[in-house]
């Protein structure tokens, strides 16, 4: 995985703007487009419903060298 200083494209998936699209699909498209670091923002989702996009079964996971940051806001 690249260090933060080496990352060139930081992208995010915000569950509030998906409009019915699956977070895993959007994350995969970002990975395919060259994202080095992806943030999953799930501020309106209960913590037990939040999981990494693709559920770890994706080219956009640790084996691809992509860092994932998950942001949850607790009520």
PDB file of N, CA and C in Angstrom:
ATOM      1  N   UNK A   1       0.833  -1.169   0.000  1.00  0.00           N
ATOM      2  CA  UNK A   1       0.000   0.000   0.000  1.00  0.00           C
ATOM      3  C   UNK A   1       0.889   1.248   0.000  1.00  0.00           C
ATOM      4  N   UNK A   2       0.476   2.258  -0.740  1.00  0.00           N
ATOM      5  CA  UNK A   2       1.238   3.502  -0.821  1.00  0.00           C
ATOM      6  C   UNK A   2       1.129   4.279   0.490  1.00  0.00           C
ATOM      7  N   UNK A   3       2.168   5.047   0.779  1.00  0.00           N
ATOM      8  CA  UNK A   3       2.079   5.958   1.917  1.00  0.00           C
ATOM      9  C   UNK A   3       1.160   7.115   1.517  1.00  0.00           C
ATOM     10  N   UNK A   4       0.687   7.844   2.503  1.00  0.00           N
ATOM     11  CA  UNK A   4      -0.205   8.961   2.220  1.00  0.00           C
ATOM     12  C   UNK A   4       0.455   9.987   1.303  1.00  0.00           C
ATOM     13  N   UNK A   5       1.746  10.199   1.473  1.00  0.00           N
ATOM     14  CA  UNK A   5       2.462  11.162   0.638  1.00  0.00           C
ATOM     15  C   UNK A   5       2.542  10.712  -0.819  1.00  0.00           C
ATOM     16  N   UNK A   6       2.481   9.412  -1.064  1.00  0.00           N
ATOM     17  CA  UNK A   6       2.563   8.884  -2.430  1.00  0.00           C
ATOM     18  C   UNK A   6       1.212   8.866  -3.149  1.00  0.00           C
ATOM     19  N   UNK A   7       0.123   8.981  -2.406  1.00  0.00           N
ATOM     20  CA  UNK A   7      -1.207   8.925  -3.010  1.00  0.00           C
ATOM     21  C   UNK A   7      -1.447  10.161  -3.867  1.00  0.00           C
ATOM     22  N   UNK A   8      -1.983   9.933  -5.058  1.00  0.00           N
ATOM     23  CA  UNK A   8      -2.244  11.039  -5.974  1.00  0.00           C
ATOM     24  C   UNK A   8      -3.727  11.318  -6.158  1.00  0.00           C
ATOM     25  N   UNK A   9      -4.573  10.297  -5.955  1.00  0.00           N
ATOM     26  CA  UNK A   9      -6.006  10.498  -6.148  1.00  0.00           C
ATOM     27  C   UNK A   9      -6.759   9.991  -4.921  1.00  0.00           C
ATOM     28  N   UNK A  10      -7.334  10.939  -4.177  1.00  0.00           N
ATOM     29  CA  UNK A  10      -8.147  10.657  -2.997  1.00  0.00           C
ATOM     30  C   UNK A  10      -9.601  10.796  -3.416  1.00  0.00           C
ATOM     31  N   UNK A  11     -10.387   9.748  -3.216  1.00  0.00           N
ATOM     32  CA  UNK A  11     -11.787   9.770  -3.635  1.00  0.00           C
ATOM     33  C   UNK A  11     -12.665   9.385  -2.453  1.00  0.00           C
ATOM     34  N   UNK A  12     -13.936   9.693  -2.537  1.00  0.00           N
ATOM     35  CA  UNK A  12     -14.833   9.269  -1.475  1.00  0.00           C
ATOM     36  C   UNK A  12     -16.155   8.781  -2.042  1.00  0.00           C
ATOM     37  N   UNK A  13     -16.777   7.893  -1.275  1.00  0.00           N
ATOM     38  CA  UNK A  13     -18.113   7.395  -1.563  1.00  0.00           C
ATOM     39  C   UNK A  13     -18.971   7.853  -0.394  1.00  0.00           C
ATOM     40  N   UNK A  14     -19.926   8.715  -0.651  1.00  0.00           N
ATOM     41  CA  UNK A  14     -20.818   9.217   0.394  1.00  0.00           C
ATOM     42  C   UNK A  14     -22.176   8.563   0.201  1.00  0.00           C
ATOM     43  N   UNK A  15     -22.628   7.814   1.197  1.00  0.00           N
ATOM     44  CA  UNK A  15     -23.886   7.081   1.061  1.00  0.00           C
ATOM     45  C   UNK A  15     -25.082   8.010   0.865  1.00  0.00           C
ATOM     46  N   UNK A  16     -24.940   9.270   1.234  1.00  0.00           N
ATOM     47  CA  UNK A  16     -26.023  10.231   1.043  1.00  0.00           C
ATOM     48  C   UNK A  16     -26.221  10.661  -0.405  1.00  0.00           C
ATOM     49  N   UNK A  17     -25.273  10.323  -1.280  1.00  0.00           N
ATOM     50  CA  UNK A  17     -25.338  10.754  -2.682  1.00  0.00           C
ATOM     51  C   UNK A  17     -25.338   9.600  -3.677  1.00  0.00           C
ATOM     52  N   UNK A  18     -25.576   8.394  -3.206  1.00  0.00           N
ATOM     53  CA  UNK A  18     -25.499   7.231  -4.097  1.00  0.00           C
ATOM     54  C   UNK A  18     -26.703   7.087  -5.032  1.00  0.00           C
ATOM     55  N   UNK A  19     -27.852   7.608  -4.652  1.00  0.00           N
ATOM     56  CA  UNK A  19     -29.064   7.535  -5.474  1.00  0.00           C
ATOM     57  C   UNK A  19     -29.351   6.118  -5.977  1.00  0.00           C
ATOM     58  N   UNK A  20     -29.294   5.162  -5.055  1.00  0.00           N
ATOM     59  CA  UNK A  20     -29.635   3.788  -5.392  1.00  0.00           C
ATOM     60  C   UNK A  20     -28.485   2.936  -5.888  1.00  0.00           C
ATOM     61  N   UNK A  21     -27.329   3.551  -6.155  1.00  0.00           N
ATOM     62  CA  UNK A  21     -26.169   2.780  -6.606  1.00  0.00           C
ATOM     63  C   UNK A  21     -25.531   2.060  -5.418  1.00  0.00           C
ATOM     64  N   UNK A  22     -24.970   0.916  -5.663  1.00  0.00           N
ATOM     65  CA  UNK A  22     -24.303   0.141  -4.611  1.00  0.00           C
ATOM     66  C   UNK A  22     -22.950   0.764  -4.295  1.00  0.00           C
ATOM     67  N   UNK A  23     -22.622   0.950  -3.005  1.00  0.00           N
ATOM     68  CA  UNK A  23     -21.328   1.535  -2.653  1.00  0.00           C
ATOM     69  C   UNK A  23     -20.150   0.749  -3.222  1.00  0.00           C
ATOM     70  N   UNK A  24     -20.265  -0.566  -3.259  1.00  0.00           N
ATOM     71  CA  UNK A  24     -19.187  -1.393  -3.799  1.00  0.00           C
ATOM     72  C   UNK A  24     -18.937  -1.147  -5.275  1.00  0.00           C
ATOM     73  N   UNK A  25     -20.003  -0.914  -6.018  1.00  0.00           N
ATOM     74  CA  UNK A  25     -19.879  -0.637  -7.454  1.00  0.00           C
ATOM     75  C   UNK A  25     -19.180   0.697  -7.681  1.00  0.00           C
ATOM     76  N   UNK A  26     -19.587   1.703  -6.921  1.00  0.00           N
ATOM     77  CA  UNK A  26     -18.973   3.024  -7.060  1.00  0.00           C
ATOM     78  C   UNK A  26     -17.501   2.966  -6.649  1.00  0.00           C
ATOM     79  N   UNK A  27     -17.211   2.269  -5.541  1.00  0.00           N
ATOM     80  CA  UNK A  27     -15.821   2.136  -5.093  1.00  0.00           C
ATOM     81  C   UNK A  27     -14.974   1.415  -6.135  1.00  0.00           C
ATOM     82  N   UNK A  28     -15.528   0.381  -6.755  1.00  0.00           N
ATOM     83  CA  UNK A  28     -14.791  -0.347  -7.785  1.00  0.00           C
ATOM     84  C   UNK A  28     -14.486   0.551  -8.974  1.00  0.00           C
ATOM     85  N   UNK A  29     -15.448   1.391  -9.361  1.00  0.00           N
ATOM     86  CA  UNK A  29     -15.222   2.322 -10.462  1.00  0.00           C
ATOM     87  C   UNK A  29     -14.129   3.326 -10.113  1.00  0.00           C
ATOM     88  N   UNK A  30     -14.108   3.769  -8.861  1.00  0.00           N
ATOM     89  CA  UNK A  30     -13.048   4.687  -8.428  1.00  0.00           C
ATOM     90  C   UNK A  30     -11.689   4.001  -8.464  1.00  0.00           C
ATOM     91  N   UNK A  31     -11.640   2.749  -8.029  1.00  0.00           N
ATOM     92  CA  UNK A  31     -10.388   1.988  -8.084  1.00  0.00           C
ATOM     93  C   UNK A  31      -9.925   1.813  -9.524  1.00  0.00           C
ATOM     94  N   UNK A  32     -10.869   1.442 -10.388  1.00  0.00           N
ATOM     95  CA  UNK A  32     -10.541   1.259 -11.801  1.00  0.00           C
ATOM     96  C   UNK A  32     -10.027   2.564 -12.418  1.00  0.00           C
ATOM     97  N   UNK A  33     -10.507   3.698 -11.885  1.00  0.00           N
ATOM     98  CA  UNK A  33     -10.092   4.995 -12.386  1.00  0.00           C
ATOM     99  C   UNK A  33      -8.782   5.499 -11.794  1.00  0.00           C
ATOM    100  N   UNK A  34      -8.205   4.718 -10.870  1.00  0.00           N
ATOM    101  CA  UNK A  34      -6.893   5.068 -10.353  1.00  0.00           C
ATOM    102  C   UNK A  34      -6.840   5.638  -8.946  1.00  0.00           C
ATOM    103  N   UNK A  35      -7.941   5.546  -8.187  1.00  0.00           N
ATOM    104  CA  UNK A  35      -7.931   6.062  -6.821  1.00  0.00           C
ATOM    105  C   UNK A  35      -6.912   5.300  -5.978  1.00  0.00           C
ATOM    106  N   UNK A  36      -6.151   6.036  -5.191  1.00  0.00           N
ATOM    107  CA  UNK A  36      -5.166   5.459  -4.285  1.00  0.00           C
ATOM    108  C   UNK A  36      -5.709   5.326  -2.869  1.00  0.00           C
ATOM    109  N   UNK A  37      -6.678   6.152  -2.530  1.00  0.00           N
ATOM    110  CA  UNK A  37      -7.239   6.212  -1.191  1.00  0.00           C
ATOM    111  C   UNK A  37      -8.720   6.506  -1.326  1.00  0.00           C
ATOM    112  N   UNK A  38      -9.556   5.706  -0.688  1.00  0.00           N
ATOM    113  CA  UNK A  38     -11.004   5.906  -0.766  1.00  0.00           C
ATOM    114  C   UNK A  38     -11.559   6.061   0.640  1.00  0.00           C
ATOM    115  N   UNK A  39     -12.423   7.053   0.803  1.00  0.00           N
ATOM    116  CA  UNK A  39     -13.118   7.251   2.068  1.00  0.00           C
ATOM    117  C   UNK A  39     -14.574   6.890   1.865  1.00  0.00           C
ATOM    118  N   UNK A  40     -15.093   6.025   2.729  1.00  0.00           N
ATOM    119  CA  UNK A  40     -16.516   5.702   2.738  1.00  0.00           C
ATOM    120  C   UNK A  40     -17.151   6.559   3.819  1.00  0.00           C
ATOM    121  N   UNK A  41     -18.021   7.474   3.405  1.00  0.00           N
ATOM    122  CA  UNK A  41     -18.712   8.350   4.348  1.00  0.00           C
ATOM    123  C   UNK A  41     -20.130   7.844   4.505  1.00  0.00           C
ATOM    124  N   UNK A  42     -20.443   7.381   5.709  1.00  0.00           N
ATOM    125  CA  UNK A  42     -21.766   6.808   5.989  1.00  0.00           C
ATOM    126  C   UNK A  42     -22.349   7.497   7.217  1.00  0.00           C
ATOM    127  N   UNK A  43     -22.467   8.794   7.151  1.00  0.00           N
ATOM    128  CA  UNK A  43     -22.874   9.572   8.317  1.00  0.00           C
ATOM    129  C   UNK A  43     -24.330   9.344   8.725  1.00  0.00           C
ATOM    130  N   UNK A  44     -25.167   8.923   7.803  1.00  0.00           N
ATOM    131  CA  UNK A  44     -26.583   8.704   8.112  1.00  0.00           C
ATOM    132  C   UNK A  44     -26.907   7.228   8.332  1.00  0.00           C
ATOM    133  N   UNK A  45     -25.901   6.369   8.298  1.00  0.00           N
ATOM    134  CA  UNK A  45     -26.122   4.928   8.420  1.00  0.00           C
ATOM    135  C   UNK A  45     -25.767   4.439   9.819  1.00  0.00           C
ATOM    136  N   UNK A  46     -26.562   3.512  10.366  1.00  0.00           N
ATOM    137  CA  UNK A  46     -26.201   2.918  11.645  1.00  0.00           C
ATOM    138  C   UNK A  46     -24.884   2.152  11.496  1.00  0.00           C
ATOM    139  N   UNK A  47     -24.014   2.196  12.507  1.00  0.00           N
ATOM    140  CA  UNK A  47     -22.702   1.539  12.415  1.00  0.00           C
ATOM    141  C   UNK A  47     -22.771   0.063  12.037  1.00  0.00           C
ATOM    142  N   UNK A  48     -23.820  -0.653  12.476  1.00  0.00           N
ATOM    143  CA  UNK A  48     -23.900  -2.087  12.168  1.00  0.00           C
ATOM    144  C   UNK A  48     -24.250  -2.354  10.705  1.00  0.00           C
ATOM    145  N   UNK A  49     -24.639  -1.324   9.969  1.00  0.00           N
ATOM    146  CA  UNK A  49     -24.954  -1.483   8.544  1.00  0.00           C
ATOM    147  C   UNK A  49     -23.788  -1.075   7.639  1.00  0.00           C
ATOM    148  N   UNK A  50     -22.716  -0.604   8.225  1.00  0.00           N
ATOM    149  CA  UNK A  50     -21.588  -0.102   7.441  1.00  0.00           C
ATOM    150  C   UNK A  50     -20.526  -1.186   7.329  1.00  0.00           C
ATOM    151  N   UNK A  51     -20.131  -1.471   6.100  1.00  0.00           N
ATOM    152  CA  UNK A  51     -19.054  -2.427   5.854  1.00  0.00           C
ATOM    153  C   UNK A  51     -18.243  -1.913   4.665  1.00  0.00           C
ATOM    154  N   UNK A  52     -17.029  -2.411   4.507  1.00  0.00           N
ATOM    155  CA  UNK A  52     -16.225  -1.967   3.365  1.00  0.00           C
ATOM    156  C   UNK A  52     -16.947  -2.219   2.046  1.00  0.00           C
ATOM    157  N   UNK A  53     -16.873  -1.283   1.106  1.00  0.00           N
ATOM    158  CA  UNK A  53     -17.503  -1.490  -0.203  1.00  0.00           C
ATOM    159  C   UNK A  53     -17.018  -2.770  -0.847  1.00  0.00           C
ATOM    160  N   UNK A  54     -17.938  -3.550  -1.342  1.00  0.00           N
ATOM    161  CA  UNK A  54     -17.574  -4.814  -1.968  1.00  0.00           C
ATOM    162  C   UNK A  54     -17.432  -5.949  -0.974  1.00  0.00           C
ATOM    163  N   UNK A  55     -17.513  -5.629   0.318  1.00  0.00           N
ATOM    164  CA  UNK A  55     -17.410  -6.660   1.342  1.00  0.00           C
ATOM    165  C   UNK A  55     -16.076  -7.368   1.348  1.00  0.00           C
ATOM    166  N   UNK A  56     -15.045  -6.740   0.809  1.00  0.00           N
ATOM    167  CA  UNK A  56     -13.729  -7.364   0.749  1.00  0.00           C
ATOM    168  C   UNK A  56     -13.568  -8.287  -0.447  1.00  0.00           C
ATOM    169  N   UNK A  57     -14.640  -8.492  -1.212  1.00  0.00           N
ATOM    170  CA  UNK A  57     -14.585  -9.367  -2.376  1.00  0.00           C
ATOM    171  C   UNK A  57     -14.558  -8.507  -3.631  1.00  0.00           C
ATOM    172  N   UNK A  58     -13.453  -7.789  -3.813  1.00  0.00           N
ATOM    173  CA  UNK A  58     -13.375  -6.817  -4.882  1.00  0.00           C
ATOM    174  C   UNK A  58     -11.920  -6.552  -5.219  1.00  0.00           C
ATOM    175  N   UNK A  59     -11.677  -6.055  -6.419  1.00  0.00           N
ATOM    176  CA  UNK A  59     -10.312  -5.672  -6.791  1.00  0.00           C
ATOM    177  C   UNK A  59      -9.893  -4.436  -6.015  1.00  0.00           C
ATOM    178  N   UNK A  60     -10.854  -3.806  -5.381  1.00  0.00           N
ATOM    179  CA  UNK A  60     -10.618  -2.578  -4.623  1.00  0.00           C
ATOM    180  C   UNK A  60     -10.493  -2.923  -3.145  1.00  0.00           C
ATOM    181  N   UNK A  61      -9.507  -3.723  -2.813  1.00  0.00           N
ATOM    182  CA  UNK A  61      -9.303  -4.100  -1.422  1.00  0.00           C
ATOM    183  C   UNK A  61      -7.822  -4.048  -1.106  1.00  0.00           C
ATOM    184  N   UNK A  62      -7.432  -4.555   0.034  1.00  0.00           N
ATOM    185  CA  UNK A  62      -6.036  -4.471   0.453  1.00  0.00           C
ATOM    186  C   UNK A  62      -5.069  -5.121  -0.527  1.00  0.00           C
ATOM    187  N   UNK A  63      -5.494  -6.154  -1.245  1.00  0.00           N
ATOM    188  CA  UNK A  63      -4.583  -6.803  -2.186  1.00  0.00           C
ATOM    189  C   UNK A  63      -4.266  -5.893  -3.368  1.00  0.00           C
ATOM    190  N   UNK A  64      -5.116  -4.903  -3.609  1.00  0.00           N
ATOM    191  CA  UNK A  64      -4.883  -3.959  -4.698  1.00  0.00           C
ATOM    192  C   UNK A  64      -4.064  -2.765  -4.230  1.00  0.00           C
ATOM    193  N   UNK A  65      -3.779  -2.702  -2.924  1.00  0.00           N
ATOM    194  CA  UNK A  65      -2.989  -1.600  -2.400  1.00  0.00           C
ATOM    195  C   UNK A  65      -3.769  -0.312  -2.225  1.00  0.00           C
ATOM    196  N   UNK A  66      -5.081  -0.421  -2.101  1.00  0.00           N
ATOM    197  CA  UNK A  66      -5.933   0.748  -1.918  1.00  0.00           C
ATOM    198  C   UNK A  66      -6.244   0.898  -0.433  1.00  0.00           C
ATOM    199  N   UNK A  67      -6.020   2.087   0.104  1.00  0.00           N
ATOM    200  CA  UNK A  67      -6.365   2.356   1.499  1.00  0.00           C
ATOM    201  C   UNK A  67      -7.830   2.756   1.578  1.00  0.00           C
ATOM    202  N   UNK A  68      -8.494   2.323   2.644  1.00  0.00           N
ATOM    203  CA  UNK A  68      -9.911   2.642   2.852  1.00  0.00           C
ATOM    204  C   UNK A  68     -10.070   3.291   4.211  1.00  0.00           C
ATOM    205  N   UNK A  69     -10.740   4.441   4.229  1.00  0.00           N
ATOM    206  CA  UNK A  69     -11.072   5.149   5.455  1.00  0.00           C
ATOM    207  C   UNK A  69     -12.593   5.136   5.577  1.00  0.00           C
ATOM    208  N   UNK A  70     -13.119   4.736   6.735  1.00  0.00           N
ATOM    209  CA  UNK A  70     -14.562   4.717   6.941  1.00  0.00           C
ATOM    210  C   UNK A  70     -14.921   5.769   7.976  1.00  0.00           C
ATOM    211  N   UNK A  71     -15.867   6.653   7.634  1.00  0.00           N
ATOM    212  CA  UNK A  71     -16.329   7.709   8.533  1.00  0.00           C
ATOM    213  C   UNK A  71     -17.783   7.457   8.900  1.00  0.00           C
ATOM    214  N   UNK A  72     -18.036   7.314  10.197  1.00  0.00           N
ATOM    215  CA  UNK A  72     -19.396   7.108  10.704  1.00  0.00           C
ATOM    216  C   UNK A  72     -19.636   8.153  11.778  1.00  0.00           C
ATOM    217  N   UNK A  73     -20.813   8.766  11.791  1.00  0.00           N
ATOM    218  CA  UNK A  73     -21.172   9.708  12.849  1.00  0.00           C
ATOM    219  C   UNK A  73     -22.169   9.025  13.762  1.00  0.00           C
ATOM    220  N   UNK A  74     -21.800   8.896  15.018  1.00  0.00           N
ATOM    221  CA  UNK A  74     -22.697   8.262  15.974  1.00  0.00           C
ATOM    222  C   UNK A  74     -23.697   9.285  16.496  1.00  0.00           C
ATOM    223  N   UNK A  75     -24.974   8.851  16.640  1.00  0.00           N
ATOM    224  CA  UNK A  75     -25.991   9.792  17.129  1.00  0.00           C
ATOM    225  C   UNK A  75     -25.736  10.228  18.550  1.00  0.00           C
TER     226      UNK A  75
END
